[in-house]
Amino acid sequence: VLRLYRECLRRARFIGHRQHNTELIVSMVRQQFKKHK
């Protein structure tokens, strides 16, 4: 799960960088993992 989480964050940063909304996308990924921790 930890590696899956990290890879999701990497992808979120990549997508966010390209769409200029990195913080929003990364926070969405973090919220989903925290919600079910």
PDB file of all heavy atoms in Angstrom:
ATOM      1  N   VAL A   1       0.826  -1.206   0.000  1.00  0.00           N
ATOM      2  CA  VAL A   1       0.000   0.000   0.000  1.00  0.00           C
ATOM      3  C   VAL A   1       0.860   1.256   0.000  1.00  0.00           C
ATOM      4  O   VAL A   1       0.560   2.222  -0.713  1.00  0.00           O
ATOM      5  CB  VAL A   1      -0.979  -0.003   1.203  1.00  0.00           C
ATOM      6  CG1 VAL A   1      -1.733   1.305   1.285  1.00  0.00           C
ATOM      7  CG2 VAL A   1      -1.942  -1.168   1.105  1.00  0.00           C
ATOM      8  N   LEU A   2       1.938   1.258   0.756  1.00  0.00           N
ATOM      9  CA  LEU A   2       2.800   2.440   0.812  1.00  0.00           C
ATOM     10  C   LEU A   2       3.415   2.739  -0.551  1.00  0.00           C
ATOM     11  O   LEU A   2       3.448   3.894  -0.997  1.00  0.00           O
ATOM     12  CB  LEU A   2       3.890   2.265   1.870  1.00  0.00           C
ATOM     13  CG  LEU A   2       4.808   3.459   2.084  1.00  0.00           C
ATOM     14  CD1 LEU A   2       4.019   4.704   2.464  1.00  0.00           C
ATOM     15  CD2 LEU A   2       5.832   3.142   3.162  1.00  0.00           C
ATOM     16  N   ARG A   3       3.882   1.723  -1.230  1.00  0.00           N
ATOM     17  CA  ARG A   3       4.454   1.937  -2.564  1.00  0.00           C
ATOM     18  C   ARG A   3       3.385   2.382  -3.554  1.00  0.00           C
ATOM     19  O   ARG A   3       3.637   3.232  -4.416  1.00  0.00           O
ATOM     20  CB  ARG A   3       5.134   0.669  -3.070  1.00  0.00           C
ATOM     21  CG  ARG A   3       6.437   0.431  -2.398  1.00  0.00           C
ATOM     22  CD  ARG A   3       7.149  -0.733  -3.006  1.00  0.00           C
ATOM     23  NE  ARG A   3       8.419  -0.938  -2.330  1.00  0.00           N
ATOM     24  CZ  ARG A   3       9.190  -1.966  -2.536  1.00  0.00           C
ATOM     25  NH1 ARG A   3       8.846  -2.886  -3.391  1.00  0.00           N
ATOM     26  NH2 ARG A   3      10.326  -2.084  -1.892  1.00  0.00           N
ATOM     27  N   LEU A   4       2.190   1.826  -3.439  1.00  0.00           N
ATOM     28  CA  LEU A   4       1.084   2.228  -4.297  1.00  0.00           C
ATOM     29  C   LEU A   4       0.747   3.702  -4.054  1.00  0.00           C
ATOM     30  O   LEU A   4       0.551   4.473  -4.988  1.00  0.00           O
ATOM     31  CB  LEU A   4      -0.125   1.335  -4.023  1.00  0.00           C
ATOM     32  CG  LEU A   4      -1.325   1.459  -4.945  1.00  0.00           C
ATOM     33  CD1 LEU A   4      -0.931   1.182  -6.393  1.00  0.00           C
ATOM     34  CD2 LEU A   4      -2.421   0.511  -4.503  1.00  0.00           C
ATOM     35  N   TYR A   5       0.721   4.097  -2.790  1.00  0.00           N
ATOM     36  CA  TYR A   5       0.460   5.487  -2.417  1.00  0.00           C
ATOM     37  C   TYR A   5       1.521   6.412  -3.020  1.00  0.00           C
ATOM     38  O   TYR A   5       1.201   7.443  -3.611  1.00  0.00           O
ATOM     39  CB  TYR A   5       0.446   5.599  -0.891  1.00  0.00           C
ATOM     40  CG  TYR A   5       0.346   6.997  -0.343  1.00  0.00           C
ATOM     41  CD1 TYR A   5      -0.825   7.735  -0.481  1.00  0.00           C
ATOM     42  CD2 TYR A   5       1.405   7.582   0.331  1.00  0.00           C
ATOM     43  CE1 TYR A   5      -0.924   9.019   0.029  1.00  0.00           C
ATOM     44  CE2 TYR A   5       1.314   8.859   0.856  1.00  0.00           C
ATOM     45  CZ  TYR A   5       0.149   9.572   0.697  1.00  0.00           C
ATOM     46  OH  TYR A   5       0.047  10.840   1.209  1.00  0.00           O
ATOM     47  N   ARG A   6       2.779   6.027  -2.881  1.00  0.00           N
ATOM     48  CA  ARG A   6       3.859   6.854  -3.418  1.00  0.00           C
ATOM     49  C   ARG A   6       3.773   6.991  -4.931  1.00  0.00           C
ATOM     50  O   ARG A   6       4.003   8.060  -5.487  1.00  0.00           O
ATOM     51  CB  ARG A   6       5.213   6.274  -3.016  1.00  0.00           C
ATOM     52  CG  ARG A   6       5.525   6.479  -1.558  1.00  0.00           C
ATOM     53  CD  ARG A   6       6.828   5.821  -1.187  1.00  0.00           C
ATOM     54  NE  ARG A   6       7.121   6.029   0.223  1.00  0.00           N
ATOM     55  CZ  ARG A   6       7.961   5.275   0.908  1.00  0.00           C
ATOM     56  NH1 ARG A   6       8.615   4.276   0.319  1.00  0.00           N
ATOM     57  NH2 ARG A   6       8.166   5.514   2.185  1.00  0.00           N
ATOM     58  N   GLU A   7       3.453   5.905  -5.602  1.00  0.00           N
ATOM     59  CA  GLU A   7       3.336   5.963  -7.059  1.00  0.00           C
ATOM     60  C   GLU A   7       2.145   6.831  -7.471  1.00  0.00           C
ATOM     61  O   GLU A   7       2.223   7.591  -8.438  1.00  0.00           O
ATOM     62  CB  GLU A   7       3.208   4.560  -7.658  1.00  0.00           C
ATOM     63  CG  GLU A   7       3.212   4.540  -9.168  1.00  0.00           C
ATOM     64  CD  GLU A   7       4.459   5.135  -9.800  1.00  0.00           C
ATOM     65  OE1 GLU A   7       5.558   5.077  -9.206  1.00  0.00           O
ATOM     66  OE2 GLU A   7       4.342   5.681 -10.919  1.00  0.00           O
ATOM     67  N   CYS A   8       1.063   6.750  -6.724  1.00  0.00           N
ATOM     68  CA  CYS A   8      -0.092   7.613  -7.000  1.00  0.00           C
ATOM     69  C   CYS A   8       0.294   9.083  -6.831  1.00  0.00           C
ATOM     70  O   CYS A   8      -0.106   9.937  -7.634  1.00  0.00           O
ATOM     71  CB  CYS A   8      -1.265   7.268  -6.084  1.00  0.00           C
ATOM     72  SG  CYS A   8      -2.108   5.732  -6.516  1.00  0.00           S
ATOM     73  N   LEU A   9       1.065   9.376  -5.789  1.00  0.00           N
ATOM     74  CA  LEU A   9       1.517  10.759  -5.583  1.00  0.00           C
ATOM     75  C   LEU A   9       2.441  11.214  -6.706  1.00  0.00           C
ATOM     76  O   LEU A   9       2.357  12.362  -7.169  1.00  0.00           O
ATOM     77  CB  LEU A   9       2.221  10.905  -4.237  1.00  0.00           C
ATOM     78  CG  LEU A   9       1.332  10.900  -3.006  1.00  0.00           C
ATOM     79  CD1 LEU A   9       2.173  10.994  -1.738  1.00  0.00           C
ATOM     80  CD2 LEU A   9       0.317  12.018  -3.054  1.00  0.00           C
ATOM     81  N   ARG A  10       3.324  10.336  -7.160  1.00  0.00           N
ATOM     82  CA  ARG A  10       4.210  10.687  -8.275  1.00  0.00           C
ATOM     83  C   ARG A  10       3.391  11.053  -9.521  1.00  0.00           C
ATOM     84  O   ARG A  10       3.659  12.039 -10.205  1.00  0.00           O
ATOM     85  CB  ARG A  10       5.153   9.538  -8.610  1.00  0.00           C
ATOM     86  CG  ARG A  10       6.339   9.452  -7.719  1.00  0.00           C
ATOM     87  CD  ARG A  10       7.337   8.389  -8.214  1.00  0.00           C
ATOM     88  NE  ARG A  10       8.116   7.959  -7.095  1.00  0.00           N
ATOM     89  CZ  ARG A  10       7.926   6.835  -6.412  1.00  0.00           C
ATOM     90  NH1 ARG A  10       6.993   5.989  -6.774  1.00  0.00           N
ATOM     91  NH2 ARG A  10       8.684   6.533  -5.381  1.00  0.00           N
ATOM     92  N   ARG A  11       2.408  10.211  -9.813  1.00  0.00           N
ATOM     93  CA  ARG A  11       1.557  10.464 -10.982  1.00  0.00           C
ATOM     94  C   ARG A  11       0.760  11.751 -10.800  1.00  0.00           C
ATOM     95  O   ARG A  11       0.573  12.516 -11.732  1.00  0.00           O
ATOM     96  CB  ARG A  11       0.602   9.295 -11.228  1.00  0.00           C
ATOM     97  CG  ARG A  11       1.284   8.047 -11.673  1.00  0.00           C
ATOM     98  CD  ARG A  11       1.675   8.154 -13.118  1.00  0.00           C
ATOM     99  NE  ARG A  11       2.595   7.078 -13.441  1.00  0.00           N
ATOM    100  CZ  ARG A  11       3.027   6.837 -14.648  1.00  0.00           C
ATOM    101  NH1 ARG A  11       2.652   7.574 -15.654  1.00  0.00           N
ATOM    102  NH2 ARG A  11       3.869   5.867 -14.864  1.00  0.00           N
ATOM    103  N   ALA A  12       0.281  11.985  -9.584  1.00  0.00           N
ATOM    104  CA  ALA A  12      -0.485  13.201  -9.301  1.00  0.00           C
ATOM    105  C   ALA A  12       0.387  14.437  -9.533  1.00  0.00           C
ATOM    106  O   ALA A  12      -0.069  15.430 -10.107  1.00  0.00           O
ATOM    107  CB  ALA A  12      -1.020  13.173  -7.873  1.00  0.00           C
ATOM    108  N   ARG A  13       1.633  14.372  -9.088  1.00  0.00           N
ATOM    109  CA  ARG A  13       2.546  15.506  -9.296  1.00  0.00           C
ATOM    110  C   ARG A  13       2.823  15.717 -10.785  1.00  0.00           C
ATOM    111  O   ARG A  13       2.878  16.849 -11.269  1.00  0.00           O
ATOM    112  CB  ARG A  13       3.850  15.283  -8.541  1.00  0.00           C
ATOM    113  CG  ARG A  13       3.695  15.471  -7.053  1.00  0.00           C
ATOM    114  CD  ARG A  13       5.041  15.395  -6.318  1.00  0.00           C
ATOM    115  NE  ARG A  13       4.809  15.327  -4.896  1.00  0.00           N
ATOM    116  CZ  ARG A  13       4.921  14.217  -4.161  1.00  0.00           C
ATOM    117  NH1 ARG A  13       5.300  13.081  -4.718  1.00  0.00           N
ATOM    118  NH2 ARG A  13       4.673  14.243  -2.871  1.00  0.00           N
ATOM    119  N   PHE A  14       2.991  14.618 -11.500  1.00  0.00           N
ATOM    120  CA  PHE A  14       3.235  14.698 -12.939  1.00  0.00           C
ATOM    121  C   PHE A  14       2.049  15.343 -13.649  1.00  0.00           C
ATOM    122  O   PHE A  14       2.207  16.283 -14.434  1.00  0.00           O
ATOM    123  CB  PHE A  14       3.501  13.291 -13.496  1.00  0.00           C
ATOM    124  CG  PHE A  14       3.670  13.248 -14.981  1.00  0.00           C
ATOM    125  CD1 PHE A  14       4.865  13.626 -15.558  1.00  0.00           C
ATOM    126  CD2 PHE A  14       2.637  12.816 -15.790  1.00  0.00           C
ATOM    127  CE1 PHE A  14       5.032  13.577 -16.941  1.00  0.00           C
ATOM    128  CE2 PHE A  14       2.794  12.775 -17.171  1.00  0.00           C
ATOM    129  CZ  PHE A  14       3.992  13.156 -17.745  1.00  0.00           C
ATOM    130  N   ILE A  15       0.855  14.852 -13.366  1.00  0.00           N
ATOM    131  CA  ILE A  15      -0.354  15.398 -13.990  1.00  0.00           C
ATOM    132  C   ILE A  15      -0.541  16.850 -13.571  1.00  0.00           C
ATOM    133  O   ILE A  15      -0.837  17.716 -14.394  1.00  0.00           O
ATOM    134  CB  ILE A  15      -1.596  14.570 -13.605  1.00  0.00           C
ATOM    135  CG1 ILE A  15      -1.496  13.154 -14.175  1.00  0.00           C
ATOM    136  CG2 ILE A  15      -2.875  15.241 -14.088  1.00  0.00           C
ATOM    137  CD1 ILE A  15      -2.505  12.189 -13.591  1.00  0.00           C
ATOM    138  N   GLY A  16      -0.378  17.122 -12.286  1.00  0.00           N
ATOM    139  CA  GLY A  16      -0.555  18.475 -11.778  1.00  0.00           C
ATOM    140  C   GLY A  16       0.409  19.461 -12.399  1.00  0.00           C
ATOM    141  O   GLY A  16       0.048  20.603 -12.701  1.00  0.00           O
ATOM    142  N   HIS A  17       1.645  19.027 -12.590  1.00  0.00           N
ATOM    143  CA  HIS A  17       2.647  19.897 -13.201  1.00  0.00           C
ATOM    144  C   HIS A  17       2.238  20.270 -14.628  1.00  0.00           C
ATOM    145  O   HIS A  17       2.361  21.428 -15.035  1.00  0.00           O
ATOM    146  CB  HIS A  17       4.019  19.213 -13.203  1.00  0.00           C
ATOM    147  CG  HIS A  17       5.086  20.021 -13.851  1.00  0.00           C
ATOM    148  ND1 HIS A  17       5.616  21.157 -13.270  1.00  0.00           N
ATOM    149  CD2 HIS A  17       5.712  19.873 -15.048  1.00  0.00           C
ATOM    150  CE1 HIS A  17       6.529  21.665 -14.079  1.00  0.00           C
ATOM    151  NE2 HIS A  17       6.610  20.902 -15.160  1.00  0.00           N
ATOM    152  N   ARG A  18       1.727  19.295 -15.349  1.00  0.00           N
ATOM    153  CA  ARG A  18       1.326  19.541 -16.738  1.00  0.00           C
ATOM    154  C   ARG A  18       0.068  20.397 -16.823  1.00  0.00           C
ATOM    155  O   ARG A  18      -0.124  21.127 -17.782  1.00  0.00           O
ATOM    156  CB  ARG A  18       1.101  18.220 -17.459  1.00  0.00           C
ATOM    157  CG  ARG A  18       2.391  17.410 -17.566  1.00  0.00           C
ATOM    158  CD  ARG A  18       2.174  16.149 -18.284  1.00  0.00           C
ATOM    159  NE  ARG A  18       2.566  16.381 -19.671  1.00  0.00           N
ATOM    160  CZ  ARG A  18       2.354  15.532 -20.640  1.00  0.00           C
ATOM    161  NH1 ARG A  18       1.738  14.409 -20.399  1.00  0.00           N
ATOM    162  NH2 ARG A  18       2.736  15.797 -21.864  1.00  0.00           N
ATOM    163  N   GLN A  19      -0.804  20.285 -15.812  1.00  0.00           N
ATOM    164  CA  GLN A  19      -2.067  21.026 -15.840  1.00  0.00           C
ATOM    165  C   GLN A  19      -2.043  22.242 -14.912  1.00  0.00           C
ATOM    166  O   GLN A  19      -3.061  22.904 -14.749  1.00  0.00           O
ATOM    167  CB  GLN A  19      -3.225  20.104 -15.465  1.00  0.00           C
ATOM    168  CG  GLN A  19      -3.408  18.969 -16.444  1.00  0.00           C
ATOM    169  CD  GLN A  19      -4.528  18.028 -16.045  1.00  0.00           C
ATOM    170  OE1 GLN A  19      -5.101  18.133 -14.973  1.00  0.00           O
ATOM    171  NE2 GLN A  19      -4.846  17.091 -16.923  1.00  0.00           N
ATOM    172  N   HIS A  20      -0.906  22.490 -14.295  1.00  0.00           N
ATOM    173  CA  HIS A  20      -0.714  23.656 -13.416  1.00  0.00           C
ATOM    174  C   HIS A  20      -1.657  23.672 -12.212  1.00  0.00           C
ATOM    175  O   HIS A  20      -2.147  24.722 -11.815  1.00  0.00           O
ATOM    176  CB  HIS A  20      -0.843  24.959 -14.217  1.00  0.00           C
ATOM    177  CG  HIS A  20       0.015  24.974 -15.447  1.00  0.00           C
ATOM    178  ND1 HIS A  20       1.393  25.030 -15.378  1.00  0.00           N
ATOM    179  CD2 HIS A  20      -0.304  24.904 -16.764  1.00  0.00           C
ATOM    180  CE1 HIS A  20       1.893  25.001 -16.607  1.00  0.00           C
ATOM    181  NE2 HIS A  20       0.891  24.920 -17.459  1.00  0.00           N
ATOM    182  N   ASN A  21      -1.944  22.493 -11.667  1.00  0.00           N
ATOM    183  CA  ASN A  21      -2.758  22.397 -10.448  1.00  0.00           C
ATOM    184  C   ASN A  21      -2.253  21.262  -9.549  1.00  0.00           C
ATOM    185  O   ASN A  21      -3.027  20.486  -9.016  1.00  0.00           O
ATOM    186  CB  ASN A  21      -4.240  22.222 -10.782  1.00  0.00           C
ATOM    187  CG  ASN A  21      -4.520  20.976 -11.607  1.00  0.00           C
ATOM    188  OD1 ASN A  21      -3.605  20.291 -12.053  1.00  0.00           O
ATOM    189  ND2 ASN A  21      -5.780  20.677 -11.805  1.00  0.00           N
ATOM    190  N   THR A  22      -0.945  21.226  -9.374  1.00  0.00           N
ATOM    191  CA  THR A  22      -0.303  20.145  -8.630  1.00  0.00           C
ATOM    192  C   THR A  22      -0.869  19.985  -7.225  1.00  0.00           C
ATOM    193  O   THR A  22      -1.204  18.870  -6.814  1.00  0.00           O
ATOM    194  CB  THR A  22       1.220  20.377  -8.552  1.00  0.00           C
ATOM    195  OG1 THR A  22       1.715  20.511  -9.880  1.00  0.00           O
ATOM    196  CG2 THR A  22       1.920  19.228  -7.864  1.00  0.00           C
ATOM    197  N   GLU A  23      -0.970  21.073  -6.484  1.00  0.00           N
ATOM    198  CA  GLU A  23      -1.433  20.984  -5.096  1.00  0.00           C
ATOM    199  C   GLU A  23      -2.815  20.370  -4.997  1.00  0.00           C
ATOM    200  O   GLU A  23      -3.077  19.553  -4.113  1.00  0.00           O
ATOM    201  CB  GLU A  23      -1.430  22.366  -4.445  1.00  0.00           C
ATOM    202  CG  GLU A  23      -0.046  22.869  -4.119  1.00  0.00           C
ATOM    203  CD  GLU A  23      -0.075  24.210  -3.413  1.00  0.00           C
ATOM    204  OE1 GLU A  23      -0.988  24.430  -2.592  1.00  0.00           O
ATOM    205  OE2 GLU A  23       0.815  25.025  -3.678  1.00  0.00           O
ATOM    206  N   LEU A  24      -3.709  20.747  -5.898  1.00  0.00           N
ATOM    207  CA  LEU A  24      -5.072  20.220  -5.873  1.00  0.00           C
ATOM    208  C   LEU A  24      -5.090  18.712  -6.113  1.00  0.00           C
ATOM    209  O   LEU A  24      -5.711  17.962  -5.353  1.00  0.00           O
ATOM    210  CB  LEU A  24      -5.924  20.920  -6.931  1.00  0.00           C
ATOM    211  CG  LEU A  24      -7.345  20.376  -7.112  1.00  0.00           C
ATOM    212  CD1 LEU A  24      -8.153  20.603  -5.845  1.00  0.00           C
ATOM    213  CD2 LEU A  24      -7.999  21.012  -8.315  1.00  0.00           C
ATOM    214  N   ILE A  25      -4.401  18.258  -7.132  1.00  0.00           N
ATOM    215  CA  ILE A  25      -4.422  16.834  -7.473  1.00  0.00           C
ATOM    216  C   ILE A  25      -3.733  15.996  -6.393  1.00  0.00           C
ATOM    217  O   ILE A  25      -4.239  14.948  -5.996  1.00  0.00           O
ATOM    218  CB  ILE A  25      -3.805  16.593  -8.864  1.00  0.00           C
ATOM    219  CG1 ILE A  25      -4.695  17.273  -9.920  1.00  0.00           C
ATOM    220  CG2 ILE A  25      -3.669  15.110  -9.156  1.00  0.00           C
ATOM    221  CD1 ILE A  25      -4.174  17.207 -11.320  1.00  0.00           C
ATOM    222  N   VAL A  26      -2.602  16.469  -5.897  1.00  0.00           N
ATOM    223  CA  VAL A  26      -1.897  15.745  -4.828  1.00  0.00           C
ATOM    224  C   VAL A  26      -2.777  15.672  -3.582  1.00  0.00           C
ATOM    225  O   VAL A  26      -2.873  14.624  -2.938  1.00  0.00           O
ATOM    226  CB  VAL A  26      -0.532  16.397  -4.524  1.00  0.00           C
ATOM    227  CG1 VAL A  26       0.074  15.857  -3.238  1.00  0.00           C
ATOM    228  CG2 VAL A  26       0.428  16.170  -5.688  1.00  0.00           C
ATOM    229  N   SER A  27      -3.443  16.767  -3.245  1.00  0.00           N
ATOM    230  CA  SER A  27      -4.302  16.741  -2.046  1.00  0.00           C
ATOM    231  C   SER A  27      -5.479  15.796  -2.237  1.00  0.00           C
ATOM    232  O   SER A  27      -5.917  15.146  -1.278  1.00  0.00           O
ATOM    233  CB  SER A  27      -4.777  18.145  -1.673  1.00  0.00           C
ATOM    234  OG  SER A  27      -5.815  18.578  -2.495  1.00  0.00           O
ATOM    235  N   MET A  28      -5.995  15.665  -3.452  1.00  0.00           N
ATOM    236  CA  MET A  28      -7.085  14.723  -3.707  1.00  0.00           C
ATOM    237  C   MET A  28      -6.621  13.285  -3.479  1.00  0.00           C
ATOM    238  O   MET A  28      -7.341  12.480  -2.872  1.00  0.00           O
ATOM    239  CB  MET A  28      -7.611  14.894  -5.131  1.00  0.00           C
ATOM    240  CG  MET A  28      -8.386  16.183  -5.329  1.00  0.00           C
ATOM    241  SD  MET A  28      -8.765  16.560  -7.061  1.00  0.00           S
ATOM    242  CE  MET A  28      -9.625  15.120  -7.615  1.00  0.00           C
ATOM    243  N   VAL A  29      -5.421  12.963  -3.955  1.00  0.00           N
ATOM    244  CA  VAL A  29      -4.877  11.611  -3.744  1.00  0.00           C
ATOM    245  C   VAL A  29      -4.682  11.359  -2.248  1.00  0.00           C
ATOM    246  O   VAL A  29      -5.093  10.318  -1.728  1.00  0.00           O
ATOM    247  CB  VAL A  29      -3.544  11.427  -4.513  1.00  0.00           C
ATOM    248  CG1 VAL A  29      -2.840  10.148  -4.086  1.00  0.00           C
ATOM    249  CG2 VAL A  29      -3.782  11.443  -6.011  1.00  0.00           C
ATOM    250  N   ARG A  30      -4.086  12.317  -1.561  1.00  0.00           N
ATOM    251  CA  ARG A  30      -3.859  12.156  -0.119  1.00  0.00           C
ATOM    252  C   ARG A  30      -5.170  11.975   0.642  1.00  0.00           C
ATOM    253  O   ARG A  30      -5.249  11.154   1.544  1.00  0.00           O
ATOM    254  CB  ARG A  30      -3.107  13.362   0.431  1.00  0.00           C
ATOM    255  CG  ARG A  30      -1.652  13.347   0.087  1.00  0.00           C
ATOM    256  CD  ARG A  30      -0.893  14.425   0.830  1.00  0.00           C
ATOM    257  NE  ARG A  30       0.520  14.263   0.578  1.00  0.00           N
ATOM    258  CZ  ARG A  30       1.329  15.239   0.212  1.00  0.00           C
ATOM    259  NH1 ARG A  30       0.864  16.473   0.086  1.00  0.00           N
ATOM    260  NH2 ARG A  30       2.595  14.998  -0.001  1.00  0.00           N
ATOM    261  N   GLN A  31      -6.184  12.756   0.277  1.00  0.00           N
ATOM    262  CA  GLN A  31      -7.482  12.643   0.946  1.00  0.00           C
ATOM    263  C   GLN A  31      -8.056  11.249   0.813  1.00  0.00           C
ATOM    264  O   GLN A  31      -8.594  10.697   1.781  1.00  0.00           O
ATOM    265  CB  GLN A  31      -8.478  13.644   0.358  1.00  0.00           C
ATOM    266  CG  GLN A  31      -8.347  15.035   0.871  1.00  0.00           C
ATOM    267  CD  GLN A  31      -9.358  15.966   0.198  1.00  0.00           C
ATOM    268  OE1 GLN A  31      -9.995  15.614  -0.790  1.00  0.00           O
ATOM    269  NE2 GLN A  31      -9.492  17.158   0.754  1.00  0.00           N
ATOM    270  N   GLN A  32      -7.970  10.681  -0.383  1.00  0.00           N
ATOM    271  CA  GLN A  32      -8.534   9.347  -0.594  1.00  0.00           C
ATOM    272  C   GLN A  32      -7.814   8.291   0.253  1.00  0.00           C
ATOM    273  O   GLN A  32      -8.454   7.414   0.820  1.00  0.00           O
ATOM    274  CB  GLN A  32      -8.488   8.968  -2.073  1.00  0.00           C
ATOM    275  CG  GLN A  32      -9.500   9.697  -2.904  1.00  0.00           C
ATOM    276  CD  GLN A  32     -10.913   9.453  -2.411  1.00  0.00           C
ATOM    277  OE1 GLN A  32     -11.355   8.322  -2.246  1.00  0.00           O
ATOM    278  NE2 GLN A  32     -11.621  10.536  -2.133  1.00  0.00           N
ATOM    279  N   PHE A  33      -6.502   8.372   0.324  1.00  0.00           N
ATOM    280  CA  PHE A  33      -5.771   7.406   1.142  1.00  0.00           C
ATOM    281  C   PHE A  33      -6.041   7.629   2.631  1.00  0.00           C
ATOM    282  O   PHE A  33      -6.233   6.670   3.374  1.00  0.00           O
ATOM    283  CB  PHE A  33      -4.268   7.453   0.837  1.00  0.00           C
ATOM    284  CG  PHE A  33      -3.874   6.600  -0.341  1.00  0.00           C
ATOM    285  CD1 PHE A  33      -3.953   7.100  -1.633  1.00  0.00           C
ATOM    286  CD2 PHE A  33      -3.432   5.302  -0.162  1.00  0.00           C
ATOM    287  CE1 PHE A  33      -3.596   6.322  -2.726  1.00  0.00           C
ATOM    288  CE2 PHE A  33      -3.076   4.510  -1.247  1.00  0.00           C
ATOM    289  CZ  PHE A  33      -3.159   5.023  -2.525  1.00  0.00           C
ATOM    290  N   LYS A  34      -6.075   8.888   3.074  1.00  0.00           N
ATOM    291  CA  LYS A  34      -6.344   9.182   4.491  1.00  0.00           C
ATOM    292  C   LYS A  34      -7.749   8.754   4.891  1.00  0.00           C
ATOM    293  O   LYS A  34      -7.969   8.264   5.994  1.00  0.00           O
ATOM    294  CB  LYS A  34      -6.172  10.677   4.772  1.00  0.00           C
ATOM    295  CG  LYS A  34      -4.740  11.099   4.908  1.00  0.00           C
ATOM    296  CD  LYS A  34      -4.650  12.574   5.250  1.00  0.00           C
ATOM    297  CE  LYS A  34      -3.197  13.002   5.346  1.00  0.00           C
ATOM    298  NZ  LYS A  34      -3.062  14.421   5.660  1.00  0.00           N
ATOM    299  N   LYS A  35      -8.681   8.943   3.990  1.00  0.00           N
ATOM    300  CA  LYS A  35     -10.078   8.602   4.254  1.00  0.00           C
ATOM    301  C   LYS A  35     -10.231   7.121   4.625  1.00  0.00           C
ATOM    302  O   LYS A  35     -11.082   6.764   5.427  1.00  0.00           O
ATOM    303  CB  LYS A  35     -10.905   8.934   3.006  1.00  0.00           C
ATOM    304  CG  LYS A  35     -12.369   8.693   3.101  1.00  0.00           C
ATOM    305  CD  LYS A  35     -12.995   9.258   1.828  1.00  0.00           C
ATOM    306  CE  LYS A  35     -14.238   8.524   1.442  1.00  0.00           C
ATOM    307  NZ  LYS A  35     -14.800   9.023   0.191  1.00  0.00           N
ATOM    308  N   HIS A  36      -9.394   6.283   4.069  1.00  0.00           N
ATOM    309  CA  HIS A  36      -9.515   4.838   4.264  1.00  0.00           C
ATOM    310  C   HIS A  36      -8.364   4.232   5.063  1.00  0.00           C
ATOM    311  O   HIS A  36      -8.188   3.018   5.079  1.00  0.00           O
ATOM    312  CB  HIS A  36      -9.615   4.148   2.907  1.00  0.00           C
ATOM    313  CG  HIS A  36     -10.758   4.630   2.083  1.00  0.00           C
ATOM    314  ND1 HIS A  36     -12.058   4.333   2.389  1.00  0.00           N
ATOM    315  CD2 HIS A  36     -10.805   5.423   0.983  1.00  0.00           C
ATOM    316  CE1 HIS A  36     -12.859   4.894   1.507  1.00  0.00           C
ATOM    317  NE2 HIS A  36     -12.119   5.573   0.647  1.00  0.00           N
ATOM    318  N   LYS A  37      -7.582   5.069   5.746  1.00  0.00           N
ATOM    319  CA  LYS A  37      -6.379   4.565   6.419  1.00  0.00           C
ATOM    320  C   LYS A  37      -6.679   3.594   7.561  1.00  0.00           C
ATOM    321  O   LYS A  37      -5.839   2.773   7.903  1.00  0.00           O
ATOM    322  CB  LYS A  37      -5.531   5.721   6.935  1.00  0.00           C
ATOM    323  CG  LYS A  37      -6.123   6.436   8.118  1.00  0.00           C
ATOM    324  CD  LYS A  37      -5.224   7.530   8.612  1.00  0.00           C
ATOM    325  CE  LYS A  37      -5.871   8.167   9.820  1.00  0.00           C
ATOM    326  NZ  LYS A  37      -5.053   9.154  10.440  1.00  0.00           N
TER     327      LYS A  37
END
